[in-house]
N, C-alpha and C. Protein backbone atom coordinates (compact mmCIF):
# COMPACT_ATOMS: atom_id res chain seq x y z
N MET A 1 105.48 129.08 99.57
CA MET A 1 105.16 128.58 98.25
C MET A 1 106.04 129.30 97.23
N HIS A 2 106.59 128.52 96.33
CA HIS A 2 107.43 129.06 95.27
C HIS A 2 106.57 129.47 94.09
N PHE A 3 106.91 130.59 93.46
CA PHE A 3 106.23 131.03 92.25
C PHE A 3 107.18 131.91 91.45
N VAL A 4 106.82 132.14 90.19
CA VAL A 4 107.56 133.06 89.34
C VAL A 4 106.57 134.10 88.81
N ARG A 5 107.10 135.13 88.20
CA ARG A 5 106.26 136.22 87.68
C ARG A 5 106.23 136.21 86.16
N THR A 6 105.15 136.71 85.62
CA THR A 6 105.07 136.88 84.18
C THR A 6 106.23 137.77 83.73
N GLY A 7 106.64 137.58 82.48
CA GLY A 7 107.72 138.40 81.93
C GLY A 7 109.11 137.85 82.15
N MET A 8 109.24 136.81 82.97
CA MET A 8 110.56 136.23 83.21
C MET A 8 111.00 135.40 82.01
N TYR A 9 112.30 135.28 81.85
CA TYR A 9 112.84 134.42 80.79
C TYR A 9 112.78 132.97 81.24
N VAL A 10 112.54 132.08 80.30
CA VAL A 10 112.41 130.65 80.60
C VAL A 10 113.66 130.11 81.27
N ILE A 11 114.83 130.55 80.84
CA ILE A 11 116.07 130.05 81.44
C ILE A 11 116.11 130.34 82.94
N ASP A 12 115.62 131.53 83.34
CA ASP A 12 115.62 131.90 84.75
C ASP A 12 114.60 131.07 85.54
N VAL A 13 113.46 130.80 84.92
CA VAL A 13 112.44 129.97 85.56
C VAL A 13 112.96 128.54 85.73
N ALA A 14 113.60 128.02 84.68
CA ALA A 14 114.15 126.65 84.75
C ALA A 14 115.22 126.55 85.84
N LYS A 15 116.06 127.55 85.95
CA LYS A 15 117.09 127.55 87.01
C LYS A 15 116.44 127.63 88.39
N PHE A 16 115.41 128.45 88.51
CA PHE A 16 114.68 128.58 89.77
C PHE A 16 114.07 127.25 90.17
N MET A 17 113.45 126.56 89.22
CA MET A 17 112.84 125.26 89.50
C MET A 17 113.90 124.25 89.91
N GLY A 18 115.04 124.26 89.23
CA GLY A 18 116.12 123.35 89.58
C GLY A 18 116.70 123.63 90.96
N MET A 19 116.86 124.91 91.28
CA MET A 19 117.41 125.31 92.57
C MET A 19 116.51 124.86 93.72
N HIS A 20 115.19 124.89 93.48
CA HIS A 20 114.24 124.53 94.54
C HIS A 20 113.71 123.10 94.41
N ASN A 21 114.24 122.37 93.41
CA ASN A 21 113.86 120.97 93.20
C ASN A 21 112.35 120.79 93.07
N ILE A 22 111.74 121.61 92.21
CA ILE A 22 110.30 121.53 91.98
C ILE A 22 110.03 121.25 90.51
N GLY A 23 108.96 120.51 90.25
CA GLY A 23 108.62 120.11 88.89
C GLY A 23 107.65 121.03 88.18
N ALA A 24 107.05 121.95 88.92
CA ALA A 24 106.12 122.91 88.33
C ALA A 24 106.05 124.13 89.23
N VAL A 25 105.74 125.25 88.60
CA VAL A 25 105.69 126.50 89.35
C VAL A 25 104.54 127.37 88.83
N PRO A 26 103.76 127.96 89.74
CA PRO A 26 102.72 128.88 89.30
C PRO A 26 103.34 130.17 88.75
N VAL A 27 102.70 130.72 87.73
CA VAL A 27 103.16 131.98 87.14
C VAL A 27 102.14 133.05 87.54
N LEU A 28 102.62 134.06 88.28
CA LEU A 28 101.74 135.09 88.80
C LEU A 28 102.04 136.43 88.15
N GLU A 29 101.00 137.26 88.06
CA GLU A 29 101.15 138.61 87.53
C GLU A 29 100.79 139.60 88.61
N GLN A 30 101.60 140.65 88.72
CA GLN A 30 101.34 141.69 89.72
C GLN A 30 100.47 142.77 89.11
N SER A 31 99.31 142.99 89.69
CA SER A 31 98.48 144.15 89.37
C SER A 31 98.11 144.75 90.71
N ASP A 32 96.85 144.81 91.06
CA ASP A 32 96.47 145.24 92.41
C ASP A 32 96.94 144.21 93.42
N LYS A 33 96.90 142.96 93.00
CA LYS A 33 97.41 141.86 93.82
C LYS A 33 98.00 140.82 92.88
N LEU A 34 98.67 139.84 93.43
CA LEU A 34 99.23 138.78 92.60
C LEU A 34 98.10 137.91 92.07
N THR A 35 98.09 137.69 90.77
CA THR A 35 97.04 136.91 90.12
C THR A 35 97.65 135.75 89.38
N LEU A 36 97.06 134.57 89.54
CA LEU A 36 97.53 133.37 88.84
C LEU A 36 97.21 133.49 87.35
N LYS A 37 98.24 133.42 86.52
CA LYS A 37 98.07 133.53 85.07
C LYS A 37 98.37 132.23 84.34
N GLY A 38 99.12 131.34 85.01
CA GLY A 38 99.46 130.09 84.35
C GLY A 38 100.28 129.22 85.28
N ILE A 39 100.73 128.11 84.71
CA ILE A 39 101.61 127.19 85.43
C ILE A 39 102.65 126.72 84.42
N PHE A 40 103.87 126.54 84.89
CA PHE A 40 104.95 126.08 84.02
C PHE A 40 105.55 124.84 84.65
N SER A 41 105.64 123.78 83.87
CA SER A 41 106.12 122.50 84.38
C SER A 41 107.31 122.00 83.57
N GLU A 42 107.95 120.97 84.10
CA GLU A 42 109.03 120.32 83.35
C GLU A 42 108.53 119.84 82.00
N ARG A 43 107.30 119.39 81.95
CA ARG A 43 106.71 118.94 80.69
C ARG A 43 106.62 120.09 79.69
N ASP A 44 106.22 121.28 80.18
CA ASP A 44 106.18 122.46 79.30
C ASP A 44 107.58 122.79 78.79
N LEU A 45 108.56 122.72 79.67
CA LEU A 45 109.94 123.00 79.28
C LEU A 45 110.39 122.05 78.17
N LEU A 46 110.09 120.78 78.35
CA LEU A 46 110.50 119.78 77.37
C LEU A 46 109.75 119.92 76.04
N ARG A 47 108.43 119.92 76.11
CA ARG A 47 107.62 119.90 74.88
C ARG A 47 107.51 121.23 74.17
N ARG A 48 107.41 122.31 74.93
CA ARG A 48 107.18 123.62 74.30
C ARG A 48 108.45 124.41 74.05
N CYS A 49 109.55 124.00 74.67
CA CYS A 49 110.80 124.75 74.51
C CYS A 49 111.91 123.91 73.90
N ILE A 50 112.34 122.88 74.61
CA ILE A 50 113.47 122.06 74.17
C ILE A 50 113.16 121.36 72.85
N ALA A 51 111.99 120.71 72.77
CA ALA A 51 111.64 119.97 71.55
C ALA A 51 111.50 120.89 70.34
N LYS A 52 111.20 122.16 70.57
CA LYS A 52 111.05 123.13 69.48
C LYS A 52 112.31 123.96 69.28
N ASP A 53 113.36 123.59 70.01
CA ASP A 53 114.67 124.23 69.90
C ASP A 53 114.61 125.75 70.11
N LEU A 54 113.81 126.18 71.10
CA LEU A 54 113.69 127.60 71.41
C LEU A 54 114.89 128.05 72.24
N ASP A 55 115.26 129.28 72.09
CA ASP A 55 116.36 129.86 72.87
C ASP A 55 115.80 130.29 74.22
N LEU A 56 116.15 129.55 75.26
CA LEU A 56 115.60 129.78 76.59
C LEU A 56 116.01 131.12 77.19
N THR A 57 117.03 131.74 76.61
CA THR A 57 117.50 133.02 77.14
C THR A 57 116.71 134.21 76.59
N VAL A 58 115.89 133.99 75.56
CA VAL A 58 115.12 135.10 74.99
C VAL A 58 113.60 134.87 75.03
N ILE A 59 113.19 133.63 75.21
CA ILE A 59 111.74 133.34 75.24
C ILE A 59 111.21 133.61 76.64
N LYS A 60 110.06 134.26 76.69
CA LYS A 60 109.45 134.61 77.98
C LYS A 60 108.49 133.50 78.41
N ILE A 61 108.36 133.36 79.71
CA ILE A 61 107.51 132.33 80.30
C ILE A 61 106.07 132.45 79.83
N ASP A 62 105.63 133.68 79.58
CA ASP A 62 104.26 133.94 79.14
C ASP A 62 103.92 133.22 77.84
N ASP A 63 104.94 132.99 77.00
CA ASP A 63 104.72 132.39 75.69
C ASP A 63 104.66 130.86 75.71
N VAL A 64 105.10 130.25 76.81
CA VAL A 64 105.17 128.79 76.84
C VAL A 64 104.49 128.14 78.04
N MET A 65 103.97 128.95 78.95
CA MET A 65 103.30 128.39 80.13
C MET A 65 101.95 127.82 79.74
N THR A 66 101.42 126.96 80.59
CA THR A 66 100.07 126.43 80.42
C THR A 66 99.11 127.46 80.99
N ARG A 67 98.19 127.92 80.15
CA ARG A 67 97.25 128.96 80.56
C ARG A 67 95.91 128.40 81.04
N ASP A 68 95.51 127.29 80.48
CA ASP A 68 94.25 126.66 80.90
C ASP A 68 94.53 125.84 82.15
N ILE A 69 94.34 126.47 83.28
CA ILE A 69 94.74 125.86 84.54
C ILE A 69 93.55 125.15 85.18
N ILE A 70 93.79 123.93 85.60
CA ILE A 70 92.81 123.18 86.38
C ILE A 70 93.15 123.42 87.84
N LEU A 71 92.16 123.81 88.61
CA LEU A 71 92.36 124.16 90.02
C LEU A 71 91.56 123.24 90.92
N ILE A 72 92.01 123.13 92.16
CA ILE A 72 91.18 122.51 93.19
C ILE A 72 91.04 123.51 94.33
N GLU A 73 90.04 123.29 95.15
CA GLU A 73 89.80 124.16 96.29
C GLU A 73 90.40 123.50 97.53
N SER A 74 90.71 124.31 98.52
CA SER A 74 91.38 123.81 99.72
C SER A 74 90.54 122.77 100.46
N HIS A 75 89.23 122.80 100.29
CA HIS A 75 88.37 121.84 100.98
C HIS A 75 88.20 120.54 100.21
N ASP A 76 88.72 120.45 98.99
CA ASP A 76 88.61 119.21 98.21
C ASP A 76 89.46 118.11 98.85
N THR A 77 88.97 116.89 98.75
CA THR A 77 89.68 115.77 99.37
C THR A 77 90.88 115.34 98.53
N PRO A 78 91.85 114.70 99.16
CA PRO A 78 92.98 114.16 98.40
C PRO A 78 92.52 113.16 97.33
N GLU A 79 91.49 112.38 97.65
CA GLU A 79 90.98 111.40 96.69
C GLU A 79 90.40 112.10 95.45
N TYR A 80 89.69 113.18 95.67
CA TYR A 80 89.12 113.95 94.56
C TYR A 80 90.24 114.55 93.72
N CYS A 81 91.22 115.11 94.38
CA CYS A 81 92.35 115.71 93.69
C CYS A 81 93.07 114.68 92.82
N LEU A 82 93.30 113.51 93.37
CA LEU A 82 93.96 112.43 92.62
C LEU A 82 93.13 112.03 91.41
N GLN A 83 91.82 111.96 91.59
CA GLN A 83 90.92 111.61 90.49
C GLN A 83 91.03 112.64 89.36
N ILE A 84 91.04 113.93 89.70
CA ILE A 84 91.16 114.99 88.70
C ILE A 84 92.51 114.90 87.98
N MET A 85 93.57 114.68 88.74
CA MET A 85 94.90 114.60 88.15
C MET A 85 95.03 113.43 87.18
N LYS A 86 94.46 112.29 87.55
CA LYS A 86 94.48 111.13 86.66
C LYS A 86 93.65 111.40 85.41
N GLN A 87 92.47 111.95 85.61
CA GLN A 87 91.55 112.23 84.50
C GLN A 87 92.17 113.22 83.50
N GLU A 88 92.82 114.24 84.01
CA GLU A 88 93.39 115.29 83.16
C GLU A 88 94.84 115.01 82.74
N LYS A 89 95.40 113.92 83.27
CA LYS A 89 96.78 113.53 82.97
C LYS A 89 97.77 114.64 83.31
N ILE A 90 97.64 115.15 84.54
CA ILE A 90 98.55 116.18 85.03
C ILE A 90 99.19 115.71 86.33
N ARG A 91 100.33 116.29 86.66
CA ARG A 91 101.04 115.87 87.87
C ARG A 91 101.11 116.95 88.94
N HIS A 92 100.65 118.16 88.60
CA HIS A 92 100.65 119.27 89.55
C HIS A 92 99.35 120.04 89.39
N ILE A 93 98.82 120.50 90.52
CA ILE A 93 97.56 121.24 90.46
C ILE A 93 97.55 122.33 91.54
N PRO A 94 97.28 123.57 91.13
CA PRO A 94 97.21 124.66 92.10
C PRO A 94 95.99 124.52 93.02
N VAL A 95 96.16 124.96 94.25
CA VAL A 95 95.10 124.90 95.26
C VAL A 95 94.70 126.34 95.61
N ILE A 96 93.39 126.61 95.53
CA ILE A 96 92.90 127.95 95.86
C ILE A 96 91.98 127.91 97.06
N GLU A 97 91.88 129.05 97.71
CA GLU A 97 90.93 129.24 98.81
C GLU A 97 90.36 130.64 98.64
N LYS A 98 89.06 130.70 98.40
CA LYS A 98 88.38 132.00 98.19
C LYS A 98 89.08 132.79 97.08
N GLN A 99 89.34 132.16 95.97
CA GLN A 99 89.97 132.77 94.79
C GLN A 99 91.45 133.10 94.95
N ASP A 100 92.05 132.84 96.10
CA ASP A 100 93.47 133.11 96.30
C ASP A 100 94.27 131.82 96.21
N LEU A 101 95.38 131.87 95.51
CA LEU A 101 96.28 130.73 95.41
C LEU A 101 96.96 130.53 96.75
N ILE A 102 96.84 129.31 97.29
CA ILE A 102 97.48 129.03 98.59
C ILE A 102 98.55 127.96 98.49
N GLY A 103 98.66 127.31 97.35
CA GLY A 103 99.69 126.29 97.20
C GLY A 103 99.54 125.54 95.91
N ILE A 104 100.38 124.55 95.77
CA ILE A 104 100.34 123.65 94.62
C ILE A 104 100.60 122.25 95.16
N ILE A 105 99.85 121.30 94.66
CA ILE A 105 100.00 119.92 95.15
C ILE A 105 100.45 119.05 93.98
N SER A 106 101.30 118.10 94.28
CA SER A 106 101.84 117.23 93.24
C SER A 106 101.33 115.81 93.42
N MET A 107 101.48 115.05 92.38
CA MET A 107 101.12 113.63 92.43
C MET A 107 101.93 112.95 93.53
N ARG A 108 103.18 113.33 93.68
CA ARG A 108 104.04 112.77 94.73
C ARG A 108 103.46 113.04 96.12
N ASP A 109 102.97 114.28 96.33
CA ASP A 109 102.35 114.61 97.62
C ASP A 109 101.18 113.68 97.91
N LEU A 110 100.38 113.43 96.89
CA LEU A 110 99.20 112.57 97.07
C LEU A 110 99.58 111.12 97.30
N MET A 111 100.63 110.66 96.65
CA MET A 111 101.09 109.29 96.86
C MET A 111 101.63 109.11 98.28
N LEU A 112 102.35 110.11 98.77
CA LEU A 112 102.86 110.05 100.15
C LEU A 112 101.70 110.05 101.15
N TYR A 113 100.68 110.86 100.87
CA TYR A 113 99.49 110.88 101.73
C TYR A 113 98.82 109.51 101.73
N ASP A 114 98.68 108.93 100.54
CA ASP A 114 98.03 107.62 100.41
C ASP A 114 98.82 106.55 101.16
N ASN A 115 100.14 106.58 101.06
CA ASN A 115 100.97 105.61 101.78
C ASN A 115 100.84 105.77 103.28
N THR A 116 100.79 107.02 103.76
CA THR A 116 100.62 107.28 105.18
C THR A 116 99.29 106.72 105.68
N GLN A 117 98.24 106.94 104.91
CA GLN A 117 96.92 106.43 105.28
C GLN A 117 96.93 104.90 105.37
N LYS A 118 97.57 104.26 104.40
CA LYS A 118 97.64 102.80 104.39
C LYS A 118 98.47 102.28 105.57
N ASP A 119 99.59 102.96 105.86
CA ASP A 119 100.42 102.55 107.01
C ASP A 119 99.63 102.65 108.31
N GLU A 120 98.86 103.71 108.46
CA GLU A 120 98.05 103.88 109.68
C GLU A 120 96.99 102.79 109.79
N LYS A 121 96.40 102.42 108.67
CA LYS A 121 95.39 101.38 108.67
C LYS A 121 96.00 100.02 109.04
N ILE A 122 97.16 99.74 108.50
CA ILE A 122 97.86 98.49 108.81
C ILE A 122 98.19 98.43 110.30
N GLU A 123 98.68 99.55 110.84
CA GLU A 123 99.02 99.61 112.26
C GLU A 123 97.77 99.38 113.12
N LEU A 124 96.67 99.98 112.74
CA LEU A 124 95.41 99.83 113.47
C LEU A 124 94.94 98.37 113.42
N LEU A 125 95.02 97.75 112.25
CA LEU A 125 94.59 96.35 112.12
C LEU A 125 95.51 95.42 112.91
N ASN A 126 96.81 95.69 112.90
CA ASN A 126 97.74 94.88 113.69
C ASN A 126 97.43 94.99 115.18
N SER A 127 97.14 96.20 115.64
CA SER A 127 96.77 96.40 117.05
C SER A 127 95.49 95.63 117.39
N TYR A 128 94.53 95.68 116.51
CA TYR A 128 93.27 95.00 116.73
C TYR A 128 93.48 93.49 116.85
N ILE A 129 94.33 92.95 115.94
CA ILE A 129 94.61 91.51 115.97
C ILE A 129 95.32 91.11 117.25
N GLN A 130 96.29 91.91 117.68
CA GLN A 130 97.08 91.61 118.88
C GLN A 130 96.20 91.63 120.14
N PHE A 131 95.29 92.56 120.25
CA PHE A 131 94.51 92.72 121.48
C PHE A 131 93.22 91.95 121.49
N SER A 132 92.82 91.40 120.35
CA SER A 132 91.55 90.67 120.33
C SER A 132 91.75 89.17 120.34
N GLY A 133 92.93 88.73 120.24
CA GLY A 133 93.08 87.29 120.14
C GLY A 133 94.16 86.76 120.94
């Protein structure tokens, strides 16, 4: 899982996201253990930095990241996750297990899952039609 740390400059975070082809990244702080402090997305970069003409080489991620983080638990269903993302109008959501961050899921991940489920259902129905008639 990719992440960045508090205190980093926005330009470095943006380059990191570009290098790894990711649209959002969790922002973690090191204390006794790594703690989730926020999330930074392409939308944050555009609206909170570029649109306000901030100097990305001097502004820290802590000042522009999203702090009010919506989380899902590892046992939540993909359907529930999609519902939350649509309701909150977000495209990335961190996944936790027992208070620990274990990953981040994107709208794209959920769409691929949904397509896989539909493909499997179509294949099953085609098999049923072929063998029953």
